[in-house]
Amino acid sequence: MRDILFLARQYKRSIYDASYLDLAMREGVALATLDKGLRRAAMQSQVLLNL
């Protein structure tokens, strides 16, 4: 939970968005989203995007 809170604060995203970002990072899978802010956070975190 601490990692998710850190991601939410770091990228100024909701806990909900940070949870998806954290899951993609841990599982090494692409993140599917059309949300611009979440896409930006994924790119900054070097998470692949699947549009």
N, C-alpha and C. Protein backbone atom coordinates (compact mmCIF):
# COMPACT_ATOMS: atom_id res chain seq x y z
N MET A 1 0.82 -1.20 0.00
CA MET A 1 0.00 0.00 0.00
C MET A 1 0.87 1.26 0.00
N ARG A 2 1.99 1.17 0.65
CA ARG A 2 2.89 2.32 0.72
C ARG A 2 3.40 2.70 -0.67
N ASP A 3 3.70 1.67 -1.50
CA ASP A 3 4.18 1.93 -2.86
C ASP A 3 3.11 2.63 -3.69
N ILE A 4 1.86 2.23 -3.52
CA ILE A 4 0.76 2.83 -4.26
C ILE A 4 0.57 4.29 -3.85
N LEU A 5 0.64 4.56 -2.58
CA LEU A 5 0.52 5.92 -2.09
C LEU A 5 1.66 6.79 -2.62
N PHE A 6 2.85 6.22 -2.65
CA PHE A 6 4.01 6.94 -3.20
C PHE A 6 3.77 7.29 -4.67
N LEU A 7 3.31 6.31 -5.47
CA LEU A 7 3.05 6.56 -6.89
C LEU A 7 1.98 7.63 -7.08
N ALA A 8 0.93 7.55 -6.28
CA ALA A 8 -0.16 8.53 -6.38
C ALA A 8 0.37 9.94 -6.12
N ARG A 9 1.19 10.08 -5.12
CA ARG A 9 1.75 11.40 -4.81
C ARG A 9 2.77 11.84 -5.84
N GLN A 10 3.62 10.92 -6.27
CA GLN A 10 4.68 11.26 -7.22
C GLN A 10 4.11 11.75 -8.54
N TYR A 11 3.07 11.09 -9.03
CA TYR A 11 2.52 11.43 -10.34
C TYR A 11 1.21 12.21 -10.26
N LYS A 12 0.83 12.60 -9.05
CA LYS A 12 -0.40 13.37 -8.83
C LYS A 12 -1.61 12.67 -9.44
N ARG A 13 -1.74 11.38 -9.12
CA ARG A 13 -2.84 10.55 -9.61
C ARG A 13 -3.65 10.05 -8.42
N SER A 14 -4.82 9.53 -8.69
CA SER A 14 -5.65 8.96 -7.62
C SER A 14 -5.06 7.63 -7.17
N ILE A 15 -5.50 7.18 -6.01
CA ILE A 15 -5.09 5.86 -5.52
C ILE A 15 -5.52 4.78 -6.51
N TYR A 16 -6.69 4.95 -7.09
CA TYR A 16 -7.22 4.02 -8.09
C TYR A 16 -6.27 3.91 -9.28
N ASP A 17 -5.86 5.05 -9.84
CA ASP A 17 -4.92 5.06 -10.97
C ASP A 17 -3.57 4.49 -10.57
N ALA A 18 -3.09 4.87 -9.41
CA ALA A 18 -1.79 4.39 -8.94
C ALA A 18 -1.80 2.88 -8.73
N SER A 19 -2.94 2.33 -8.36
CA SER A 19 -3.05 0.87 -8.19
C SER A 19 -2.84 0.16 -9.51
N TYR A 20 -3.45 0.67 -10.56
CA TYR A 20 -3.25 0.07 -11.88
C TYR A 20 -1.81 0.22 -12.35
N LEU A 21 -1.24 1.37 -12.10
CA LEU A 21 0.15 1.60 -12.48
C LEU A 21 1.07 0.65 -11.72
N ASP A 22 0.85 0.51 -10.44
CA ASP A 22 1.66 -0.39 -9.61
C ASP A 22 1.53 -1.84 -10.10
N LEU A 23 0.33 -2.26 -10.42
CA LEU A 23 0.11 -3.62 -10.90
C LEU A 23 0.85 -3.87 -12.21
N ALA A 24 0.77 -2.93 -13.14
CA ALA A 24 1.48 -3.07 -14.41
C ALA A 24 2.98 -3.14 -14.19
N MET A 25 3.48 -2.34 -13.26
CA MET A 25 4.91 -2.34 -12.97
C MET A 25 5.34 -3.68 -12.36
N ARG A 26 4.58 -4.17 -11.40
CA ARG A 26 4.95 -5.43 -10.73
C ARG A 26 4.83 -6.64 -11.64
N GLU A 27 3.81 -6.66 -12.50
CA GLU A 27 3.58 -7.80 -13.37
C GLU A 27 4.34 -7.71 -14.69
N GLY A 28 4.86 -6.54 -14.99
CA GLY A 28 5.60 -6.36 -16.23
C GLY A 28 4.72 -6.42 -17.46
N VAL A 29 3.50 -5.91 -17.33
CA VAL A 29 2.56 -5.93 -18.44
C VAL A 29 2.25 -4.51 -18.89
N ALA A 30 1.69 -4.41 -20.09
CA ALA A 30 1.31 -3.11 -20.62
C ALA A 30 0.04 -2.61 -19.94
N LEU A 31 -0.08 -1.31 -19.84
CA LEU A 31 -1.23 -0.66 -19.23
C LEU A 31 -2.13 -0.14 -20.33
N ALA A 32 -3.41 -0.45 -20.28
CA ALA A 32 -4.37 0.03 -21.28
C ALA A 32 -5.20 1.14 -20.65
N THR A 33 -5.03 2.34 -21.17
CA THR A 33 -5.80 3.48 -20.68
C THR A 33 -5.82 4.59 -21.73
N LEU A 34 -6.87 5.37 -21.72
CA LEU A 34 -6.94 6.56 -22.57
C LEU A 34 -6.76 7.82 -21.74
N ASP A 35 -6.62 7.68 -20.42
CA ASP A 35 -6.42 8.80 -19.53
C ASP A 35 -5.04 9.40 -19.75
N LYS A 36 -5.00 10.66 -20.13
CA LYS A 36 -3.73 11.32 -20.47
C LYS A 36 -2.75 11.36 -19.30
N GLY A 37 -3.26 11.66 -18.12
CA GLY A 37 -2.39 11.74 -16.95
C GLY A 37 -1.81 10.40 -16.58
N LEU A 38 -2.61 9.36 -16.67
CA LEU A 38 -2.13 8.01 -16.35
C LEU A 38 -1.16 7.53 -17.42
N ARG A 39 -1.41 7.87 -18.67
CA ARG A 39 -0.47 7.52 -19.75
C ARG A 39 0.87 8.21 -19.52
N ARG A 40 0.83 9.46 -19.12
CA ARG A 40 2.07 10.21 -18.84
C ARG A 40 2.84 9.56 -17.69
N ALA A 41 2.12 9.20 -16.63
CA ALA A 41 2.77 8.55 -15.48
C ALA A 41 3.37 7.20 -15.89
N ALA A 42 2.67 6.47 -16.75
CA ALA A 42 3.18 5.17 -17.22
C ALA A 42 4.46 5.37 -18.02
N MET A 43 4.46 6.34 -18.90
CA MET A 43 5.66 6.59 -19.71
C MET A 43 6.84 7.02 -18.83
N GLN A 44 6.58 7.83 -17.82
CA GLN A 44 7.64 8.26 -16.92
C GLN A 44 8.15 7.10 -16.07
N SER A 45 7.29 6.12 -15.84
CA SER A 45 7.66 4.94 -15.04
C SER A 45 8.21 3.82 -15.91
N GLN A 46 8.30 4.07 -17.22
CA GLN A 46 8.76 3.09 -18.19
C GLN A 46 7.86 1.86 -18.25
N VAL A 47 6.56 2.09 -18.09
CA VAL A 47 5.56 1.04 -18.24
C VAL A 47 5.05 1.11 -19.67
N LEU A 48 4.96 -0.03 -20.33
CA LEU A 48 4.45 -0.07 -21.69
C LEU A 48 2.98 0.30 -21.71
N LEU A 49 2.55 0.90 -22.80
CA LEU A 49 1.15 1.26 -22.97
C LEU A 49 0.54 0.42 -24.07
N ASN A 50 -0.69 0.02 -23.86
CA ASN A 50 -1.45 -0.74 -24.84
C ASN A 50 -2.71 0.05 -25.13
N LEU A 51 -2.77 0.67 -26.29
CA LEU A 51 -3.94 1.49 -26.62
C LEU A 51 -4.84 0.70 -27.45
